């Protein structure tokens, strides 16, 4: 019975083994030969890879690695001629495209090819310029960078000629550069005169738009200052104008409008005052209020950390030599004035008058009022000043006068 079973099973096993061996021999016999020998393609043109195969039914796949990404393509087998059409978007971008032919998840062969820029399309130019402003001199420069591309935005090949042009005043310069690592560039140095510089580029008869770089004056040099005023009296009312000389850089260019100038003032009592002004056409004009007493202002101007002037002195003469005052209403009302100025005119309203009140040479109080029509008035109310006698000092416009001891009634 066993022998009869073996006679039945053995022939079936032989059939399966033969079929397996035949299939393996067929797989080993399948071969793929690349028919497309071209290694360089032009961007924008269709690309097809062709293989010949000994199998009319083989259906391999093509794995692509590109700057746009990775993808797998299905094949078309036409009687042993296998073709792959590269997607259009992959054909537009320059660079190296690597491929791998895969059959039954096994790499059969691989290769790569290069896509080049399309020189038959209109050239485009990307430009970058910076910085947009310069200082005068020979050490400062702006850089113009040009990136010529085809219409698919692919950078042109190294060695592409680019013209970089710059214009300043009556000077026009054209420089020929070639691209390297996709770009052409030039350092364009400043001039010793301030003004506007225009720049542009050209490649393959394509012109860029116009670019601008402002050449601004360098830092200012030291300068001088002067003053002017209506009169030299210390009236606390008029204005003294402080004016700089024309401030220029070392090349003779006016410093930019709006340059801040600080005028620093030191009084006889070492009080520090400041006023500020901005330049217009290279000149800054500051203003100082006259002091209300005799003084001498020492003035120095500077542009912080850049330039400065020498110190000048501005003297102010006393406006008055003395003034009148009267005591009335049992010495309870003190009237100062009318205070008159250098032409015997009444002093401007608002002049401060100071009254110091003493008792046995001890200062009790200081009162301050402002003049109105040249007169200042002080009232000493009895409840607040109950003593029999007081002494006073009256000061205005830098002049101090002491009074006699005044007697007062005590309730």
Protein backbone atom coordinates (compact mmCIF):
# COMPACT_ATOMS: atom_id res chain seq x y z
CA UNK A 1 0.00 0.00 0.00
CA UNK A 2 2.89 2.37 0.88
CA UNK A 3 4.67 1.63 -2.40
CA UNK A 4 1.49 2.40 -4.33
CA UNK A 5 1.18 5.80 -2.57
CA UNK A 6 4.80 6.69 -3.38
CA UNK A 7 4.19 5.95 -7.05
CA UNK A 8 1.35 8.50 -6.97
CA UNK A 9 3.00 11.36 -4.91
CA UNK A 10 6.47 11.25 -6.44
CA UNK A 11 5.44 12.30 -9.97
CA UNK A 12 3.45 15.25 -8.48
CA UNK A 13 6.49 16.46 -6.53
CA UNK A 14 8.63 16.30 -9.64
CA UNK A 15 6.13 18.54 -11.50
CA UNK A 16 6.24 21.20 -8.74
CA UNK A 17 10.02 21.13 -8.52
CA UNK A 18 10.32 21.48 -12.26
CA UNK A 19 7.94 24.46 -12.31
CA UNK A 20 9.84 26.16 -9.45
CA UNK A 21 13.18 25.60 -11.16
CA UNK A 22 11.82 26.90 -14.46
CA UNK A 23 10.46 30.08 -12.83
CA UNK A 24 13.76 30.72 -11.08
CA UNK A 25 15.67 30.19 -14.30
CA UNK A 26 13.30 32.65 -16.05
CA UNK A 27 13.78 35.34 -13.30
CA UNK A 28 17.56 34.99 -13.50
CA UNK A 29 17.32 35.25 -17.25
CA UNK A 30 15.32 38.56 -17.12
CA UNK A 31 17.76 41.44 -17.79
CA UNK A 32 17.34 45.23 -18.25
CA UNK A 33 19.60 47.39 -20.39
CA UNK A 34 19.40 51.21 -20.29
CA UNK A 35 18.72 52.48 -23.79
CA UNK A 36 18.78 56.21 -22.92
CA UNK A 37 22.44 57.23 -22.97
CA UNK A 38 21.89 61.00 -22.63
CA UNK A 39 23.33 62.35 -19.39
CA UNK A 40 22.32 66.00 -19.69
CA UNK A 41 18.92 67.48 -20.32
CA UNK A 42 17.63 71.02 -20.71
CA UNK A 43 15.12 72.33 -18.16
CA UNK A 44 11.60 72.42 -19.52
CA UNK A 45 12.13 69.65 -22.06
CA UNK A 46 10.35 66.27 -21.60
CA UNK A 47 12.54 63.43 -20.30
CA UNK A 48 11.97 59.71 -20.89
CA UNK A 49 14.12 56.83 -19.71
CA UNK A 50 14.01 53.62 -21.81
CA UNK A 51 15.15 50.11 -20.97
CA UNK A 52 15.17 46.93 -23.02
CA UNK A 53 14.21 43.71 -21.29
CA UNK A 54 14.26 40.03 -22.17
CA UNK A 55 10.82 39.78 -20.58
CA UNK A 56 7.75 41.00 -22.39
CA UNK A 57 5.74 40.97 -19.17
CA UNK A 58 8.21 42.47 -16.67
CA UNK A 59 6.81 45.50 -14.86
CA UNK A 60 9.66 47.14 -12.92
CA UNK A 61 9.38 50.47 -11.09
CA UNK A 62 11.65 53.53 -11.15
CA UNK A 63 12.49 55.24 -7.86
CA UNK A 64 13.48 58.94 -8.32
CA UNK A 65 15.41 61.21 -5.97
CA UNK A 66 15.18 64.91 -6.93
CA UNK A 67 15.42 68.29 -5.25
CA UNK A 68 11.63 68.46 -5.46
CA UNK A 69 11.38 65.21 -3.51
CA UNK A 70 11.20 61.45 -4.03
CA UNK A 71 8.69 59.43 -6.04
CA UNK A 72 8.12 56.01 -7.66
CA UNK A 73 7.09 55.66 -11.31
CA UNK A 74 5.29 52.76 -12.96
CA UNK A 75 6.66 51.41 -16.24
CA UNK A 76 5.15 50.77 -19.63
CA UNK A 77 6.32 47.48 -21.22
CA UNK A 78 5.83 47.40 -24.98
CA UNK A 79 7.04 44.03 -26.15
CA UNK A 80 10.18 44.21 -24.00
CA UNK A 81 10.70 47.97 -24.40
CA UNK A 82 10.21 49.53 -20.97
CA UNK A 83 9.78 53.29 -20.68
CA UNK A 84 9.40 55.74 -17.83
CA UNK A 85 8.16 59.31 -18.33
CA UNK A 86 9.71 61.73 -15.83
CA UNK A 87 7.01 64.02 -14.33
CA UNK A 88 6.93 67.49 -15.89
CA UNK A 89 7.58 69.32 -12.62
CA UNK A 90 10.79 67.30 -12.17
CA UNK A 91 11.92 68.38 -15.65
CA UNK A 92 11.73 72.06 -14.79
CA UNK A 93 14.24 72.11 -11.93
CA UNK A 94 17.98 71.97 -12.57
CA UNK A 95 20.29 69.67 -10.67
CA UNK A 96 21.13 65.99 -10.45
CA UNK A 97 18.30 63.47 -10.64
CA UNK A 98 19.15 60.00 -9.35
CA UNK A 99 17.12 56.91 -10.31
CA UNK A 100 16.91 53.28 -9.19
CA UNK A 101 15.32 50.51 -11.25
CA UNK A 102 13.46 48.08 -8.95
CA UNK A 103 12.01 44.66 -9.80
CA UNK A 104 10.22 42.59 -7.16
CA UNK A 105 11.50 45.02 -4.46
CA UNK A 106 15.05 44.37 -5.56
CA UNK A 107 17.34 47.03 -7.05
CA UNK A 108 18.33 45.97 -10.53
CA UNK A 109 20.41 48.95 -11.60
CA UNK A 110 20.73 52.67 -10.91
CA UNK A 111 22.08 55.86 -12.44
CA UNK A 112 21.68 59.63 -12.62
CA UNK A 113 21.55 62.51 -15.05
CA UNK A 114 21.77 66.29 -14.89
CA UNK A 115 19.19 68.92 -15.80
CA UNK A 116 20.75 72.18 -17.02
CA UNK A 117 19.29 75.73 -17.18
CA UNK A 118 17.40 76.59 -20.34
CA UNK A 119 19.41 79.28 -22.12
CA UNK A 120 16.81 79.53 -24.88
CA UNK A 121 14.31 81.24 -22.58
CA UNK A 122 14.20 84.88 -21.51
CA UNK A 123 16.74 85.57 -18.78
CA UNK A 124 15.49 86.88 -15.45
CA UNK A 125 17.68 88.65 -12.89
CA UNK A 126 17.28 88.69 -9.13
CA UNK A 127 19.22 91.52 -7.46
CA UNK A 128 20.17 92.27 -3.90
CA UNK A 129 21.78 95.55 -2.82
CA UNK A 130 22.97 96.57 0.61
CA UNK A 131 23.46 98.55 2.61
CA UNK A 132 21.09 101.15 1.12
CA UNK A 133 23.18 104.08 2.40
CA UNK A 134 26.88 104.83 2.77
CA UNK A 135 29.11 107.41 4.39
CA UNK A 136 31.47 109.41 2.23
CA UNK A 137 35.02 108.15 1.99
CA UNK A 138 36.97 105.33 0.41
CA UNK A 139 36.48 102.74 3.14
CA UNK A 140 32.73 102.23 2.81
CA UNK A 141 31.03 100.16 0.13
CA UNK A 142 27.73 98.63 -0.86
CA UNK A 143 27.45 95.21 -2.50
CA UNK A 144 25.41 94.47 -5.59
CA UNK A 145 24.54 90.79 -6.02
CA UNK A 146 22.96 89.50 -9.23
CA UNK A 147 21.45 86.05 -9.75
CA UNK A 148 20.54 85.44 -13.42
CA UNK A 149 17.97 82.68 -13.98
CA UNK A 150 15.99 81.10 -16.79
CA UNK A 151 12.22 81.46 -16.96
CA UNK A 152 11.84 78.43 -14.67
CA UNK A 153 13.82 80.25 -11.97
CA UNK A 154 16.88 78.06 -12.41
CA UNK A 155 20.18 79.86 -11.77
CA UNK A 156 22.36 80.15 -14.84
CA UNK A 157 25.51 78.05 -15.10
CA UNK A 158 28.78 79.30 -13.63
CA UNK A 159 30.63 81.59 -16.00
CA UNK A 160 27.55 83.46 -17.23
CA UNK A 161 28.48 87.08 -17.96
CA UNK A 162 26.73 89.83 -15.98
CA UNK A 163 27.22 93.59 -16.36
CA UNK A 164 27.07 95.60 -13.11
CA UNK A 165 26.59 99.33 -13.64
CA UNK A 166 26.78 102.25 -11.24
CA UNK A 167 26.31 105.98 -11.77
CA UNK A 168 27.32 108.84 -9.48
CA UNK A 169 27.21 112.48 -10.57
CA UNK A 170 28.93 112.49 -13.99
CA UNK A 171 30.67 109.16 -13.50
CA UNK A 172 29.20 105.96 -15.01
CA UNK A 173 31.03 102.66 -14.46
CA UNK A 174 30.24 99.33 -16.17
CA UNK A 175 31.94 96.21 -14.81
CA UNK A 176 31.76 92.75 -16.36
CA UNK A 177 31.48 89.90 -13.91
CA UNK A 178 30.84 86.17 -14.31
CA UNK A 179 28.69 84.01 -12.11
CA UNK A 180 30.25 81.65 -9.60
CA UNK A 181 28.09 79.44 -7.40
CA UNK A 182 25.10 80.96 -9.21
CA UNK A 183 25.85 84.62 -8.34
CA UNK A 184 27.79 87.57 -9.70
CA UNK A 185 28.68 90.37 -7.30
CA UNK A 186 30.68 93.53 -6.90
CA UNK A 187 31.66 95.81 -4.03
CA UNK A 188 30.89 99.38 -5.08
CA UNK A 189 32.82 101.88 -2.97
CA UNK A 190 31.57 105.22 -1.75
CA UNK A 191 32.76 108.59 -3.03
CA UNK A 192 34.12 111.65 -1.29
CA UNK A 193 31.08 113.68 -2.29
CA UNK A 194 27.62 113.09 -0.88
CA UNK A 195 24.73 112.36 -3.21
CA UNK A 196 22.66 109.58 -4.74
CA UNK A 197 24.20 106.56 -6.48
CA UNK A 198 22.18 104.60 -9.06
CA UNK A 199 22.89 100.94 -9.83
CA UNK A 200 21.60 98.27 -12.22
CA UNK A 201 22.62 94.96 -13.79
CA UNK A 202 22.32 93.34 -17.22
CA UNK A 203 22.52 89.74 -18.43
CA UNK A 204 21.74 88.34 -21.90
CA UNK A 205 20.06 91.62 -22.94
CA UNK A 206 17.85 91.56 -19.86
CA UNK A 207 18.10 94.67 -17.68
CA UNK A 208 17.26 94.96 -14.01
CA UNK A 209 15.32 97.78 -12.45
CA UNK A 210 17.11 100.82 -11.04
CA UNK A 211 18.47 100.65 -7.51
CA UNK A 212 19.53 103.54 -5.28
CA UNK A 213 22.17 103.99 -2.63
CA UNK A 214 22.45 107.24 -0.71
CA UNK A 215 25.98 108.51 -0.10
CA UNK A 216 25.69 110.53 3.10
CA UNK A 217 28.22 112.89 4.69
CA UNK A 218 30.67 111.39 7.14
CA UNK A 219 30.92 112.53 10.75
CA UNK A 220 31.41 116.27 11.19
CA UNK A 221 34.67 117.99 11.98
CA UNK A 222 35.22 120.46 14.83
CA UNK A 223 33.48 123.80 14.35
CA UNK A 224 33.12 127.26 15.90
CA UNK A 225 30.18 129.03 17.54
CA UNK A 226 29.08 132.64 17.82
CA UNK A 227 26.20 134.53 19.43
CA UNK A 228 23.88 137.41 18.70
CA UNK A 229 21.34 139.29 20.83
CA UNK A 230 19.29 142.50 20.94
CA UNK A 231 21.18 143.84 23.93
CA UNK A 232 23.60 142.66 26.59
CA UNK A 233 21.49 143.38 29.66
CA UNK A 234 20.41 140.64 32.08
CA UNK A 235 16.68 141.30 31.86
CA UNK A 236 15.51 137.67 32.12
CA UNK A 237 13.35 138.30 29.07
CA UNK A 238 15.31 138.54 25.82
CA UNK A 239 16.86 135.70 23.81
CA UNK A 240 20.48 135.13 22.88
CA UNK A 241 20.92 133.15 19.66
CA UNK A 242 23.81 130.68 19.49
CA UNK A 243 24.94 129.86 15.95
CA UNK A 244 27.45 127.28 14.78
CA UNK A 245 29.69 127.71 11.79
CA UNK A 246 28.85 125.54 8.78
CA UNK A 247 29.60 122.03 10.00
CA UNK A 248 31.23 119.81 7.38
CA UNK A 249 32.85 116.39 7.20
CA UNK A 250 36.51 115.96 6.33
CA UNK A 251 35.68 115.94 2.62
CA UNK A 252 33.86 119.25 2.72
CA UNK A 253 30.32 117.88 2.67
CA UNK A 254 27.67 119.49 4.85
CA UNK A 255 26.60 117.22 7.68
CA UNK A 256 23.13 115.80 7.26
CA UNK A 257 20.13 117.92 8.21
CA UNK A 258 18.89 117.04 11.67
CA UNK A 259 22.32 116.47 13.21
CA UNK A 260 21.82 117.26 16.90
CA UNK A 261 24.07 119.92 18.45
CA UNK A 262 24.16 120.43 22.22
CA UNK A 263 25.04 123.87 23.62
CA UNK A 264 26.37 123.54 27.15
CA UNK A 265 26.35 126.61 29.39
CA UNK A 266 28.18 127.14 32.68
CA UNK A 267 27.27 130.20 34.78
CA UNK A 268 29.44 132.12 37.23
CA UNK A 269 27.94 130.01 40.01
CA UNK A 270 28.83 126.77 38.13
CA UNK A 271 25.22 126.06 37.31
CA UNK A 272 25.02 123.81 34.25
CA UNK A 273 22.49 124.69 31.56
CA UNK A 274 21.86 123.06 28.18
CA UNK A 275 19.99 123.88 25.00
CA UNK A 276 19.74 121.86 21.81
CA UNK A 277 19.40 122.53 18.10
CA UNK A 278 19.44 120.49 14.89
CA UNK A 279 21.41 121.44 11.81
CA UNK A 280 19.80 122.80 8.67
CA UNK A 281 22.16 123.24 5.74
CA UNK A 282 25.02 122.48 8.10
CA UNK A 283 24.16 125.18 10.67
CA UNK A 284 22.54 124.76 14.09
CA UNK A 285 20.94 127.71 15.90
CA UNK A 286 20.20 127.42 19.60
CA UNK A 287 18.50 129.90 21.93
CA UNK A 288 19.25 131.03 25.48
CA UNK A 289 17.07 133.11 27.76
CA UNK A 290 18.93 136.05 29.29
CA UNK A 291 19.63 135.67 33.01
CA UNK A 292 17.80 137.98 35.43
CA UNK A 293 21.01 139.15 37.05
CA UNK A 294 24.52 140.04 36.05
CA UNK A 295 26.36 136.93 34.89
CA UNK A 296 28.81 135.52 32.36
CA UNK A 297 27.85 132.41 30.40
CA UNK A 298 30.61 130.13 29.21
CA UNK A 299 29.24 128.22 26.23
CA UNK A 300 30.58 125.17 24.43
CA UNK A 301 28.82 123.19 21.69
CA UNK A 302 29.32 119.59 20.65
CA UNK A 303 27.93 116.76 18.57
CA UNK A 304 28.08 113.88 21.01
CA UNK A 305 31.14 111.72 20.46
CA UNK A 306 31.91 113.36 17.11
CA UNK A 307 32.87 117.03 17.08
CA UNK A 308 32.98 120.08 19.32
CA UNK A 309 33.65 123.79 19.45
CA UNK A 310 35.87 125.93 21.61
CA UNK A 311 34.36 127.70 24.63
CA UNK A 312 33.13 131.26 24.25
CA UNK A 313 32.08 133.76 26.96
CA UNK A 314 28.86 135.78 26.86
CA UNK A 315 28.71 138.58 29.45
CA UNK A 316 25.40 139.99 30.69
CA UNK A 317 25.28 143.45 32.27
CA UNK A 318 23.05 144.34 35.22
CA UNK A 319 19.72 145.79 34.06
CA UNK A 320 19.40 148.21 36.98
CA UNK A 321 21.66 149.80 39.58
CA UNK A 322 19.01 150.26 42.23
CA UNK A 323 15.27 150.40 42.71
CA UNK A 324 12.68 152.17 44.83
CA UNK A 325 10.62 150.72 47.63
CA UNK A 326 8.19 152.20 50.12
CA UNK A 327 6.54 151.13 53.39
CA UNK A 328 2.94 152.15 53.98
CA UNK A 329 -0.06 151.20 56.13
CA UNK A 330 1.99 151.24 59.33
CA UNK A 331 4.80 149.42 57.52
CA UNK A 332 2.49 146.47 56.78
CA UNK A 333 2.53 147.09 52.98
CA UNK A 334 5.85 147.05 51.17
CA UNK A 335 5.76 148.31 47.58
CA UNK A 336 8.77 147.71 45.34
CA UNK A 337 9.05 149.81 42.22
CA UNK A 338 8.19 150.87 39.75
CA UNK A 339 11.30 149.06 38.58
CA UNK A 340 12.70 150.63 35.42
CA UNK A 341 15.00 149.16 32.80
CA UNK A 342 18.01 150.53 30.92
CA UNK A 343 15.90 153.07 28.94
CA UNK A 344 13.82 153.92 32.03
CA UNK A 345 11.03 151.77 30.65
CA UNK A 346 9.12 149.53 33.04
CA UNK A 347 10.60 146.05 33.32
CA UNK A 348 8.56 143.23 31.71
CA UNK A 349 5.82 141.70 33.81
CA UNK A 350 6.90 138.61 35.71
CA UNK A 351 10.24 139.85 37.04
CA UNK A 352 10.81 138.12 40.37
CA UNK A 353 11.18 140.21 43.52
CA UNK A 354 12.41 138.52 46.69
CA UNK A 355 11.76 139.77 50.22
CA UNK A 356 13.70 138.35 53.16
CA UNK A 357 12.33 139.07 56.63
CA UNK A 358 14.72 139.19 59.59
CA UNK A 359 14.25 139.47 63.35
CA UNK A 360 17.41 140.33 65.28
CA UNK A 361 19.46 139.27 62.25
CA UNK A 362 17.70 135.88 62.12
CA UNK A 363 16.01 135.01 58.84
CA UNK A 364 12.36 134.26 59.49
CA UNK A 365 10.86 133.95 56.03
CA UNK A 366 11.44 134.58 52.34
CA UNK A 367 8.66 135.83 50.11
CA UNK A 368 8.71 136.00 46.31
CA UNK A 369 6.28 137.84 44.06
CA UNK A 370 6.37 138.89 40.42
CA UNK A 371 6.12 142.40 39.08
CA UNK A 372 3.01 143.72 37.38
CA UNK A 373 3.52 146.94 35.47
CA UNK A 374 6.90 147.22 37.17
CA UNK A 375 5.55 146.96 40.72
CA UNK A 376 5.67 144.18 43.31
CA UNK A 377 3.70 144.36 46.58
CA UNK A 378 4.14 142.48 49.87
CA UNK A 379 1.60 142.45 52.73
CA UNK A 380 2.68 141.65 56.30
CA UNK A 381 -0.41 140.65 58.28
CA UNK A 382 -0.24 141.41 62.00
CA UNK A 383 -1.28 137.91 63.21
CA UNK A 384 1.69 136.42 61.40
CA UNK A 385 4.19 139.14 62.29
CA UNK A 386 3.48 140.08 65.90
CA UNK A 387 6.90 141.48 66.85
CA UNK A 388 7.69 145.14 67.36
CA UNK A 389 10.46 145.40 64.78
CA UNK A 390 11.80 143.64 61.65
CA UNK A 391 14.59 144.11 59.14
CA UNK A 392 14.29 143.36 55.38
CA UNK A 393 16.37 142.56 52.35
CA UNK A 394 14.81 143.14 48.91
CA UNK A 395 16.39 141.55 45.85
CA UNK A 396 15.47 141.85 42.19
CA UNK A 397 17.41 141.55 38.92
CA UNK A 398 20.54 140.70 40.90
CA UNK A 399 20.45 143.86 43.00
CA UNK A 400 19.93 143.58 46.78
CA UNK A 401 18.98 146.46 49.05
CA UNK A 402 18.72 146.32 52.85
CA UNK A 403 16.15 148.37 54.70
CA UNK A 404 16.32 150.06 58.06
CA UNK A 405 14.71 148.37 61.03
CA UNK A 406 10.99 148.94 60.85
CA UNK A 407 8.78 149.41 63.90
CA UNK A 408 5.37 147.73 64.26
CA UNK A 409 2.47 148.22 66.65
CA UNK A 410 1.70 145.29 68.95
CA UNK A 411 -1.98 144.73 69.84
